Amino acid sequence: MVIPIFRNGTRVAFLSLVVFAFPGCRSSHDRTHAAGKVWNGELKSLSQNATHDIAVVGRTSSAGVGAPVLVLEEIHDSRPSLIENAIVLTRLHAHYGVREIAVEGYLQDEPRLDASWFNRLPGSTLSSRAEVAVRLLKEGEISAPEFMVLVYPDIELLPAEVGSEYKVTLRDGALQAAQELAQRVGTGKGKEFTERIDKLQTEPISAEDELKMAEELDELRVSKNIVLPTQSLLDWQSWMGFWRGRAAGNNTMADAVLLASADGGVSPVVLNSGVAHTEGLIRRLRNANRPYAVITPLAVRNHEEKGQIDRYYSLREDGKSVKPRGAFMDAIYAAGGKKPQPVINRPWLEVNGLLYEFTEEIATGILGSSLQGDAKAPYGFSPGQFDTQWIQIDTKSIETVQDGDRRDVVFSLGLRPIQGGAPKTYWMKATLDSNAGTHGNDADSIESLLKDVLSEAQSETDAPSQAEDSAGIIHVGGDVRAVFGSTKEDVLAKSLHIQR
């Protein structure tokens, strides 16, 4: 959850509230036999190995007993920080046996997530899944733990929150009501509150500290007989209710992470949280006598503004994609769907992700092999191989066409509306980058893919508003580029020449 903070109509900060952990007693996997290293007591070495050149290690305490907790900070609207977190998690998965991730916003009292739709192709490999998942991550559609569960079949996402604490909301006038009350209270706590808001850009707000300050202001409101207009009172109560919920959420998430190694598991426990949670969580870890280290992605440490999901971030909290424009997303939304957090179970993400994955499979399967020239549809693909609840691809429609000095692949597809009815037909044309190479299935290869999209995100002022780039080309993953249209003539008229 992200709270936009405005001053004089301008957004000056986001309060980012995202937490996930790695419980060691709730998985079907045997953590003591997980691939890679297991916890050996070298907290400083582990932290530095996992963060090299992508994050920094802050406060660390080796005191206490039990598996250490790695507090991985995040700014939720910052795509670079999400990608950097994915790199850290990839290293922890490969070298320290991390397999389970509990996710903030993944509620214990709602249906469980199921990412099996992403691994339905018989020939799916680690690299082929990663090439598509990194695009969704780079676009800002999924989080770091969602990237992990899409790529690695042995990753399990676990719920870390409850709805009553997570689904608290701020009224539009909540911050203004709080600021106006602080001014009326005057010196002392009122002035302290005002100064605290003014420092949001450089200093994080602890949920517990914010709640304590709000409660103190409210006590002064009552003792000084300050009467607020009805709407202002509702706004102020919204402010207090929000922080009560989020402070309680801190306790729930801390309980989850402390329970994580109750079975004596040897893997470190990872807690990925927004900066508003760090202080309160650290206090809980100290009180529980648990070793910990705080890890901060460079994008957070350096207050990077490039690559943020800015213009369309509000759509995320409204349950929609952060790339709402363009013909590609128009077609997907015509099929329906909504985006709460996390989004693994949502039809719109399934359609988006599978269209990327199917397009890459078809393009690489034909253009990356000898199945050209006299070869004809269905090019070795089976009838129904690319059919799902929402997507139908006619493998008999697949053909190769000349596009300048290269060959492209063209095929038709149907998208079925969630509300029912006949599928609507669209067309896709895809090409394989002339510089295409073979990507490995090891952690270093996955990290390389992540670093490539990190550079892309850092070069963008804001997140793209559509899947298509300025030339109308969709980067579906890896070395495959595509164009999308409502007719075959539409896609044939578009060139996929890529200047490198």
Protein backbone atom coordinates (compact mmCIF):
# COMPACT_ATOMS: atom_id res chain seq x y z
CA MET A 1 0.00 0.00 0.00
CA VAL A 2 1.36 3.46 -0.88
CA ILE A 3 0.12 6.72 0.59
CA PRO A 4 0.74 9.81 -1.55
CA ILE A 5 1.68 12.82 0.54
CA PHE A 6 0.87 16.21 -0.98
CA ARG A 7 1.90 19.73 -0.09
CA ASN A 8 0.24 22.65 -1.86
CA GLY A 9 -1.19 20.25 -4.40
CA THR A 10 2.15 18.62 -5.22
CA ARG A 11 3.12 15.08 -4.33
CA VAL A 12 6.26 15.25 -2.21
CA ALA A 13 6.53 11.67 -0.98
CA PHE A 14 5.03 8.21 -0.89
CA LEU A 15 4.67 6.15 2.23
CA SER A 16 5.38 2.65 0.98
CA LEU A 17 3.91 -0.19 3.00
CA VAL A 18 4.91 -3.59 1.58
CA VAL A 19 5.98 -6.60 3.64
CA PHE A 20 6.77 -10.19 2.90
CA ALA A 21 8.60 -12.84 4.89
CA PHE A 22 10.01 -16.32 4.59
CA PRO A 23 8.42 -18.62 7.19
CA GLY A 24 10.35 -21.83 7.66
CA CYS A 25 7.65 -23.96 9.27
CA ARG A 26 4.83 -23.71 6.77
CA SER A 27 6.25 -25.14 3.57
CA SER A 28 6.15 -28.57 2.02
CA HIS A 29 9.78 -28.04 1.04
CA ASP A 30 12.58 -29.28 3.32
CA ARG A 31 14.60 -26.14 3.92
CA THR A 32 17.56 -28.06 5.32
CA HIS A 33 17.93 -29.81 1.95
CA ALA A 34 17.30 -26.80 -0.29
CA ALA A 35 19.74 -26.26 -3.12
CA GLY A 36 22.60 -23.88 -2.40
CA LYS A 37 24.08 -22.75 0.90
CA VAL A 38 22.30 -22.84 4.22
CA TRP A 39 22.66 -20.43 7.11
CA ASN A 40 26.12 -20.69 8.66
CA GLY A 41 26.02 -17.87 11.17
CA GLU A 42 27.90 -15.28 9.09
CA LEU A 43 25.23 -12.59 8.97
CA LYS A 44 27.51 -9.84 7.71
CA SER A 45 28.96 -12.00 4.94
CA LEU A 46 25.52 -13.23 3.85
CA SER A 47 24.15 -9.69 3.68
CA GLN A 48 27.09 -8.37 1.69
CA ASN A 49 27.02 -11.27 -0.78
CA ALA A 50 23.30 -10.78 -1.41
CA THR A 51 23.56 -7.00 -1.83
CA HIS A 52 26.81 -6.52 -3.75
CA ASP A 53 26.49 -3.57 -6.20
CA ILE A 54 22.68 -3.52 -5.96
CA ALA A 55 21.85 -2.57 -2.35
CA VAL A 56 23.50 -1.49 0.91
CA VAL A 57 23.55 -3.10 4.33
CA GLY A 58 22.51 -0.79 7.17
CA ARG A 59 21.93 -1.54 10.82
CA THR A 60 22.96 -5.05 11.77
CA SER A 61 22.76 -6.98 15.03
CA SER A 62 24.20 -10.45 15.49
CA ALA A 63 22.92 -10.64 19.05
CA GLY A 64 20.15 -13.07 19.85
CA VAL A 65 19.14 -16.55 18.82
CA GLY A 66 17.36 -18.17 15.91
CA ALA A 67 17.52 -17.62 12.17
CA PRO A 68 18.32 -13.97 11.38
CA VAL A 69 15.78 -11.63 9.83
CA LEU A 70 16.89 -9.66 6.76
CA VAL A 71 14.76 -6.51 6.54
CA LEU A 72 14.64 -5.64 2.83
CA GLU A 73 13.33 -2.10 2.42
CA GLU A 74 11.25 -0.96 -0.55
CA ILE A 75 9.59 2.05 -2.14
CA HIS A 76 6.53 0.52 -3.73
CA ASP A 77 6.11 2.96 -6.62
CA SER A 78 9.78 2.69 -7.59
CA ARG A 79 10.31 0.13 -10.34
CA PRO A 80 14.12 0.22 -9.88
CA SER A 81 13.72 -0.72 -6.20
CA LEU A 82 11.37 -3.59 -7.13
CA ILE A 83 13.91 -4.92 -9.65
CA GLU A 84 16.81 -4.52 -7.22
CA ASN A 85 14.81 -6.45 -4.63
CA ALA A 86 14.24 -9.21 -7.18
CA ILE A 87 18.01 -9.44 -7.70
CA VAL A 88 18.60 -9.74 -3.95
CA LEU A 89 15.90 -12.42 -3.67
CA THR A 90 17.33 -14.31 -6.65
CA ARG A 91 20.72 -14.43 -4.92
CA LEU A 92 19.15 -15.56 -1.64
CA HIS A 93 17.21 -18.27 -3.47
CA ALA A 94 20.29 -19.52 -5.31
CA HIS A 95 22.84 -19.40 -2.51
CA TYR A 96 21.02 -19.46 0.83
CA GLY A 97 18.08 -21.82 0.37
CA VAL A 98 15.27 -19.25 0.52
CA ARG A 99 12.08 -20.85 -0.82
CA GLU A 100 9.07 -19.26 0.96
CA ILE A 101 7.88 -15.66 0.74
CA ALA A 102 5.05 -14.22 2.81
CA VAL A 103 3.54 -11.17 1.12
CA GLU A 104 1.96 -8.01 2.47
CA GLY A 105 -1.44 -7.59 0.89
CA TYR A 106 -1.71 -11.35 0.52
CA LEU A 107 -4.41 -11.91 3.10
CA GLN A 108 -4.86 -14.93 5.29
CA ASP A 109 -8.63 -14.60 5.02
CA GLU A 110 -8.80 -14.60 1.20
CA PRO A 111 -8.24 -17.30 -1.49
CA ARG A 112 -4.74 -18.66 -1.95
CA LEU A 113 -2.63 -17.62 -4.91
CA ASP A 114 -1.92 -20.02 -7.77
CA ALA A 115 0.79 -19.26 -10.33
CA SER A 116 0.53 -22.60 -12.13
CA TRP A 117 -1.02 -20.91 -15.18
CA PHE A 118 2.39 -19.41 -15.97
CA ASN A 119 4.12 -22.80 -16.09
CA ARG A 120 1.65 -24.61 -18.35
CA LEU A 121 3.85 -24.96 -21.47
CA PRO A 122 5.56 -28.39 -21.66
CA GLY A 123 8.88 -26.90 -22.75
CA SER A 124 8.92 -24.10 -20.19
CA THR A 125 12.38 -23.44 -18.80
CA LEU A 126 13.76 -21.17 -16.10
CA SER A 127 15.14 -18.76 -18.70
CA SER A 128 11.98 -18.68 -20.83
CA ARG A 129 9.84 -17.91 -17.78
CA ALA A 130 12.30 -15.29 -16.57
CA GLU A 131 12.42 -13.53 -19.94
CA VAL A 132 8.67 -12.88 -19.76
CA ALA A 133 8.47 -12.24 -16.01
CA VAL A 134 11.18 -9.57 -16.13
CA ARG A 135 9.05 -7.62 -18.63
CA LEU A 136 6.06 -7.69 -16.27
CA LEU A 137 8.34 -6.62 -13.42
CA LYS A 138 9.92 -3.85 -15.47
CA GLU A 139 6.46 -2.60 -16.50
CA GLY A 140 5.56 -2.31 -12.81
CA GLU A 141 2.75 -4.87 -13.03
CA ILE A 142 4.17 -7.34 -10.51
CA SER A 143 6.29 -7.17 -7.37
CA ALA A 144 9.59 -8.91 -6.59
CA PRO A 145 7.97 -11.88 -4.80
CA GLU A 146 5.49 -12.30 -7.65
CA PHE A 147 8.43 -12.36 -10.06
CA MET A 148 10.02 -15.09 -7.95
CA VAL A 149 6.93 -17.31 -7.88
CA LEU A 150 6.44 -16.96 -11.65
CA VAL A 151 10.04 -17.93 -12.41
CA TYR A 152 10.84 -20.52 -9.74
CA PRO A 153 8.39 -23.44 -9.27
CA ASP A 154 9.82 -24.15 -5.79
CA ILE A 155 8.93 -20.69 -4.46
CA GLU A 156 5.82 -20.55 -2.30
CA LEU A 157 4.06 -17.28 -1.45
CA LEU A 158 2.52 -17.18 2.01
CA PRO A 159 -0.03 -14.69 3.40
CA ALA A 160 1.30 -12.33 6.08
CA GLU A 161 -1.67 -10.05 6.73
CA VAL A 162 -5.33 -9.91 7.61
CA GLY A 163 -7.94 -7.84 5.83
CA SER A 164 -9.06 -5.78 8.84
CA GLU A 165 -5.57 -4.30 9.17
CA TYR A 166 -4.59 -4.09 5.52
CA LYS A 167 -7.77 -2.62 4.04
CA VAL A 168 -7.67 0.61 6.03
CA THR A 169 -7.95 3.70 3.82
CA LEU A 170 -7.32 7.42 4.08
CA ARG A 171 -10.02 9.88 3.11
CA ASP A 172 -8.90 12.49 0.58
CA GLY A 173 -8.83 15.20 3.23
CA ALA A 174 -7.14 13.15 5.97
CA LEU A 175 -3.68 14.71 5.78
CA GLN A 176 -5.08 18.22 5.47
CA ALA A 177 -7.30 17.65 8.51
CA ALA A 178 -4.29 16.40 10.47
CA GLN A 179 -2.22 19.43 9.45
CA GLU A 180 -5.01 21.87 10.31
CA LEU A 181 -5.52 20.26 13.73
CA ALA A 182 -1.77 20.47 14.39
CA GLN A 183 -1.88 24.21 13.61
CA ARG A 184 -4.80 24.72 15.99
CA VAL A 185 -3.04 22.79 18.74
CA GLY A 186 -0.10 25.14 18.21
CA THR A 187 3.26 24.82 19.95
CA GLY A 188 4.57 21.56 21.33
CA LYS A 189 2.98 18.50 19.74
CA GLY A 190 1.28 20.50 17.01
CA LYS A 191 4.55 22.05 15.90
CA GLU A 192 6.32 18.69 16.18
CA PHE A 193 3.74 17.08 13.89
CA THR A 194 4.04 19.86 11.29
CA GLU A 195 7.84 19.62 11.27
CA ARG A 196 7.61 15.85 10.91
CA ILE A 197 5.43 16.10 7.80
CA ASP A 198 7.86 18.64 6.32
CA LYS A 199 10.69 16.10 6.62
CA LEU A 200 8.92 13.31 4.75
CA GLN A 201 11.23 13.57 1.76
CA THR A 202 14.34 12.76 3.81
CA GLU A 203 13.14 10.89 6.89
CA PRO A 204 10.84 7.85 7.02
CA ILE A 205 7.72 7.76 9.15
CA SER A 206 7.30 4.87 11.56
CA ALA A 207 3.72 3.60 11.68
CA GLU A 208 3.91 3.24 15.47
CA ASP A 209 5.43 6.69 15.95
CA GLU A 210 2.85 8.25 13.66
CA LEU A 211 0.04 6.58 15.59
CA LYS A 212 1.50 7.75 18.90
CA MET A 213 1.71 11.33 17.62
CA ALA A 214 -1.84 11.19 16.27
CA GLU A 215 -3.17 9.90 19.59
CA GLU A 216 -1.35 12.66 21.45
CA LEU A 217 -2.82 15.27 19.10
CA ASP A 218 -6.28 13.82 19.65
CA GLU A 219 -5.87 13.99 23.42
CA LEU A 220 -4.95 17.66 23.07
CA ARG A 221 -7.95 18.21 20.78
CA VAL A 222 -10.22 16.89 23.50
CA SER A 223 -8.51 18.64 26.41
CA LYS A 224 -8.53 22.00 24.58
CA ASN A 225 -12.14 21.56 23.45
CA ILE A 226 -11.18 22.02 19.81
CA VAL A 227 -14.30 21.48 17.71
CA LEU A 228 -13.79 20.26 14.16
CA PRO A 229 -16.38 20.63 11.38
CA THR A 230 -18.13 17.34 10.61
CA GLN A 231 -16.14 16.57 7.43
CA SER A 232 -12.85 17.54 9.05
CA LEU A 233 -13.63 15.32 12.02
CA LEU A 234 -14.32 12.39 9.69
CA ASP A 235 -11.06 13.10 7.85
CA TRP A 236 -9.15 13.25 11.13
CA GLN A 237 -10.71 10.00 12.34
CA SER A 238 -9.69 8.46 9.03
CA TRP A 239 -6.08 9.52 9.69
CA MET A 240 -6.10 7.95 13.12
CA GLY A 241 -7.85 4.79 11.93
CA PHE A 242 -5.35 4.32 9.14
CA TRP A 243 -2.35 4.43 11.44
CA ARG A 244 -4.04 2.18 13.99
CA GLY A 245 -4.52 -0.40 11.25
CA ARG A 246 -1.00 -0.14 9.88
CA ALA A 247 0.60 -0.26 13.35
CA ALA A 248 -1.45 -3.37 14.09
CA GLY A 249 -0.32 -4.73 10.70
CA ASN A 250 3.28 -4.29 11.85
CA ASN A 251 2.56 -6.57 14.80
CA THR A 252 0.90 -9.18 12.57
CA MET A 253 3.76 -9.16 10.08
CA ALA A 254 6.38 -9.27 12.85
CA ASP A 255 4.57 -12.23 14.39
CA ALA A 256 4.65 -13.99 11.01
CA VAL A 257 8.37 -13.47 10.54
CA LEU A 258 9.19 -14.50 14.12
CA LEU A 259 7.14 -17.64 13.67
CA ALA A 260 9.03 -18.39 10.47
CA SER A 261 11.88 -20.34 12.07
CA ALA A 262 9.90 -21.83 14.95
CA ASP A 263 10.79 -25.27 13.58
CA GLY A 264 14.50 -24.52 13.82
CA GLY A 265 14.87 -23.93 10.08
CA VAL A 266 18.36 -23.01 8.93
CA SER A 267 17.52 -20.50 6.19
CA PRO A 268 17.48 -16.79 7.04
CA VAL A 269 14.09 -15.12 7.23
CA VAL A 270 13.53 -12.22 4.79
CA LEU A 271 11.17 -9.37 5.61
CA ASN A 272 10.61 -6.99 2.67
CA SER A 273 8.94 -3.85 3.95
CA GLY A 274 8.40 -0.19 3.18
CA VAL A 275 10.47 2.34 5.06
CA ALA A 276 7.49 3.23 7.27
CA HIS A 277 7.76 -0.20 8.88
CA THR A 278 11.49 -0.46 9.57
CA GLU A 279 11.68 1.24 12.98
CA GLY A 280 8.73 -0.61 14.46
CA LEU A 281 9.81 -3.97 13.09
CA ILE A 282 13.37 -3.53 14.35
CA ARG A 283 12.01 -2.83 17.83
CA ARG A 284 9.98 -6.04 17.69
CA LEU A 285 13.01 -8.04 16.52
CA ARG A 286 15.15 -6.66 19.33
CA ASN A 287 12.48 -7.47 21.90
CA ALA A 288 12.28 -11.01 20.51
CA ASN A 289 16.09 -11.37 20.76
CA ARG A 290 16.42 -12.09 17.04
CA PRO A 291 19.50 -11.24 14.91
CA TYR A 292 18.74 -8.93 11.99
CA ALA A 293 20.18 -6.80 9.19
CA VAL A 294 18.54 -3.97 7.26
CA ILE A 295 19.04 -4.09 3.47
CA THR A 296 18.21 -1.02 1.39
CA PRO A 297 18.12 -1.08 -2.45
CA LEU A 298 20.28 1.62 -4.02
CA ALA A 299 17.19 3.19 -5.60
CA VAL A 300 15.78 3.76 -2.11
CA ARG A 301 19.08 4.83 -0.54
CA ASN A 302 19.75 7.31 -3.35
CA HIS A 303 16.15 8.67 -3.45
CA GLU A 304 15.98 7.91 -7.18
CA GLU A 305 12.97 9.44 -8.89
CA LYS A 306 13.44 8.01 -12.37
CA GLY A 307 11.47 4.93 -13.25
CA GLN A 308 8.71 5.56 -10.72
CA ILE A 309 5.13 4.53 -11.41
CA ASP A 310 3.89 8.09 -11.14
CA ARG A 311 1.13 9.14 -13.52
CA TYR A 312 -0.85 5.92 -13.26
CA TYR A 313 0.00 4.70 -9.79
CA SER A 314 -3.51 5.45 -8.52
CA LEU A 315 -4.77 2.83 -10.97
CA ARG A 316 -2.91 0.15 -9.03
CA GLU A 317 -4.96 0.84 -5.92
CA ASP A 318 -8.09 0.92 -8.07
CA GLY A 319 -7.34 -2.63 -9.21
CA LYS A 320 -6.11 -1.79 -12.72
CA SER A 321 -2.95 -2.11 -14.77
CA VAL A 322 -0.37 0.68 -14.54
CA LYS A 323 -0.06 0.62 -18.35
CA PRO A 324 -3.71 1.35 -19.25
CA ARG A 325 -3.26 2.81 -22.72
CA GLY A 326 -2.68 1.26 -26.15
CA ALA A 327 -4.43 -1.33 -28.32
CA PHE A 328 -2.85 -4.28 -26.49
CA MET A 329 -4.23 -3.41 -23.05
CA ASP A 330 -7.52 -2.24 -24.57
CA ALA A 331 -8.00 -5.78 -25.88
CA ILE A 332 -7.07 -7.35 -22.55
CA TYR A 333 -9.43 -5.08 -20.62
CA ALA A 334 -12.18 -5.95 -23.07
CA ALA A 335 -11.81 -9.46 -21.69
CA GLY A 336 -12.21 -8.05 -18.13
CA GLY A 337 -10.34 -8.37 -14.79
CA LYS A 338 -9.32 -6.35 -11.71
CA LYS A 339 -6.02 -5.81 -9.96
CA PRO A 340 -5.81 -5.98 -6.19
CA GLN A 341 -2.46 -6.78 -4.63
CA PRO A 342 -1.01 -9.29 -5.32
CA VAL A 343 -2.30 -9.97 -8.81
CA ILE A 344 -1.22 -13.54 -9.59
CA ASN A 345 -4.82 -14.84 -9.56
CA ARG A 346 -6.27 -12.08 -11.72
CA PRO A 347 -7.44 -12.87 -15.28
CA TRP A 348 -5.99 -9.68 -16.79
CA LEU A 349 -2.47 -10.58 -15.61
CA GLU A 350 -2.92 -14.17 -16.78
CA VAL A 351 -3.95 -12.97 -20.26
CA ASN A 352 -1.09 -10.44 -20.38
CA GLY A 353 1.53 -12.89 -19.14
CA LEU A 354 0.43 -15.82 -21.29
CA LEU A 355 0.21 -13.74 -24.47
CA TYR A 356 3.80 -12.67 -23.85
CA GLU A 357 4.84 -16.27 -23.10
CA PHE A 358 2.96 -17.83 -26.04
CA THR A 359 4.28 -15.22 -28.48
CA GLU A 360 7.84 -15.85 -27.33
CA GLU A 361 7.37 -19.63 -27.61
CA ILE A 362 5.98 -19.41 -31.14
CA ALA A 363 8.58 -16.91 -32.37
CA THR A 364 11.60 -18.68 -30.91
CA GLY A 365 10.25 -22.11 -31.84
CA ILE A 366 9.99 -21.16 -35.53
CA LEU A 367 12.42 -18.31 -36.17
CA GLY A 368 15.05 -19.68 -33.82
CA SER A 369 15.14 -23.06 -35.54
CA SER A 370 15.19 -24.55 -39.02
CA LEU A 371 11.37 -24.56 -39.24
CA GLN A 372 11.27 -21.93 -41.99
CA GLY A 373 11.28 -21.96 -45.77
CA ASP A 374 9.03 -24.80 -46.94
CA ALA A 375 7.75 -25.56 -43.45
CA LYS A 376 4.04 -24.91 -42.99
CA ALA A 377 1.54 -24.43 -40.21
CA PRO A 378 1.22 -25.63 -37.54
CA TYR A 379 5.06 -25.86 -37.51
CA GLY A 380 5.08 -28.78 -35.11
CA PHE A 381 2.78 -27.14 -32.59
CA SER A 382 -0.20 -29.19 -31.41
CA PRO A 383 -3.83 -28.13 -31.80
CA GLY A 384 -4.93 -26.46 -28.57
CA GLN A 385 -1.35 -26.13 -27.29
CA PHE A 386 -1.87 -22.41 -26.72
CA ASP A 387 -5.53 -22.49 -25.66
CA THR A 388 -6.58 -21.46 -22.16
CA GLN A 389 -9.74 -20.32 -20.45
CA TRP A 390 -9.24 -16.83 -21.88
CA ILE A 391 -7.00 -17.32 -24.95
CA GLN A 392 -7.33 -19.40 -28.11
CA ILE A 393 -4.52 -19.42 -30.68
CA ASP A 394 -5.22 -21.12 -34.00
CA THR A 395 -1.94 -22.93 -34.71
CA LYS A 396 -3.11 -23.48 -38.30
CA SER A 397 -3.07 -19.70 -38.80
CA ILE A 398 0.66 -19.43 -38.06
CA GLU A 399 2.78 -18.37 -41.02
CA THR A 400 6.11 -16.72 -41.66
CA VAL A 401 6.35 -13.51 -43.69
CA GLN A 402 9.15 -11.41 -45.05
CA ASP A 403 9.79 -8.08 -43.29
CA GLY A 404 12.65 -6.36 -45.07
CA ASP A 405 15.68 -8.61 -44.73
CA ARG A 406 14.22 -10.79 -42.01
CA ARG A 407 11.44 -13.27 -41.41
CA ASP A 408 8.61 -12.66 -38.97
CA VAL A 409 5.89 -14.94 -37.68
CA VAL A 410 2.18 -14.02 -37.85
CA PHE A 411 -0.77 -15.69 -36.13
CA SER A 412 -4.35 -15.03 -35.08
CA LEU A 413 -5.67 -15.29 -31.53
CA GLY A 414 -9.00 -15.05 -29.76
CA LEU A 415 -9.63 -13.39 -26.40
CA ARG A 416 -12.72 -14.63 -24.58
CA PRO A 417 -14.63 -12.07 -22.46
CA ILE A 418 -14.78 -12.99 -18.79
CA GLN A 419 -18.47 -12.10 -18.78
CA GLY A 420 -19.07 -14.78 -21.41
CA GLY A 421 -19.62 -14.74 -25.13
CA ALA A 422 -17.61 -15.56 -28.22
CA PRO A 423 -13.89 -14.75 -28.38
CA LYS A 424 -12.86 -11.63 -30.29
CA THR A 425 -10.17 -12.15 -32.91
CA TYR A 426 -6.85 -10.25 -32.96
CA TRP A 427 -3.52 -10.73 -34.73
CA MET A 428 0.09 -10.76 -33.60
CA LYS A 429 3.28 -10.45 -35.61
CA ALA A 430 6.58 -11.23 -33.88
CA THR A 431 10.27 -11.33 -34.70
CA LEU A 432 13.40 -12.68 -33.08
CA ASP A 433 16.12 -10.13 -32.45
CA SER A 434 18.98 -10.65 -34.89
CA ASN A 435 21.35 -10.47 -31.91
CA ALA A 436 19.44 -13.20 -30.07
CA GLY A 437 21.51 -15.51 -27.97
CA THR A 438 20.96 -18.44 -25.67
CA HIS A 439 20.18 -17.54 -22.07
CA GLY A 440 21.27 -19.87 -19.30
CA ASN A 441 19.10 -21.36 -16.60
CA ASP A 442 21.32 -20.40 -13.68
CA ALA A 443 20.99 -17.55 -11.17
CA ASP A 444 23.67 -15.46 -12.89
CA SER A 445 21.70 -15.53 -16.16
CA ILE A 446 18.50 -14.49 -14.37
CA GLU A 447 20.37 -11.71 -12.62
CA SER A 448 21.72 -10.53 -15.97
CA LEU A 449 18.17 -10.28 -17.34
CA LEU A 450 17.11 -8.33 -14.25
CA LYS A 451 20.03 -5.92 -14.56
CA ASP A 452 19.13 -5.28 -18.21
CA VAL A 453 15.58 -4.22 -17.33
CA LEU A 454 16.90 -2.27 -14.34
CA SER A 455 18.93 -0.13 -16.72
CA GLU A 456 15.83 0.37 -18.87
CA ALA A 457 13.69 1.43 -15.92
CA GLN A 458 16.37 3.81 -14.63
CA SER A 459 16.52 5.52 -18.02
CA GLU A 460 12.78 6.29 -18.01
CA THR A 461 11.40 9.36 -16.30
CA ASP A 462 8.11 7.60 -15.59
CA ALA A 463 6.68 4.14 -16.15
CA PRO A 464 5.37 3.67 -19.72
CA SER A 465 1.62 4.15 -20.02
CA GLN A 466 1.17 1.32 -22.52
CA ALA A 467 2.69 -1.99 -23.55
CA GLU A 468 3.67 -0.60 -26.97
CA ASP A 469 6.74 1.60 -27.28
CA SER A 470 6.79 4.79 -29.38
CA ALA A 471 7.14 2.68 -32.54
CA GLY A 472 4.18 0.49 -31.60
CA ILE A 473 6.40 -2.47 -30.70
CA ILE A 474 5.75 -4.66 -27.66
CA HIS A 475 8.78 -6.16 -25.92
CA VAL A 476 7.19 -9.45 -24.89
CA GLY A 477 10.32 -10.90 -23.32
CA GLY A 478 13.89 -11.88 -24.01
CA ASP A 479 14.78 -11.35 -27.66
CA VAL A 480 11.23 -11.33 -29.03
CA ARG A 481 9.42 -8.19 -30.19
CA ALA A 482 5.86 -8.06 -31.48
CA VAL A 483 3.12 -5.85 -32.86
CA PHE A 484 -0.55 -6.34 -32.06
CA GLY A 485 -3.63 -5.43 -34.09
CA SER A 486 -7.28 -6.16 -34.74
CA THR A 487 -6.67 -7.46 -38.28
CA LYS A 488 -3.96 -9.32 -40.17
CA GLU A 489 -3.55 -6.30 -42.44
CA ASP A 490 -2.88 -4.11 -39.40
CA VAL A 491 0.09 -6.14 -38.19
CA LEU A 492 1.50 -6.80 -41.66
CA ALA A 493 1.61 -3.05 -42.25
CA LYS A 494 3.82 -2.53 -39.16
CA SER A 495 7.56 -3.07 -39.33
CA LEU A 496 9.48 -4.87 -36.63
CA HIS A 497 12.91 -3.70 -37.73
CA ILE A 498 14.83 -3.05 -34.55
CA GLN A 499 17.81 -0.73 -34.60
CA ARG A 500 20.43 -1.81 -32.08
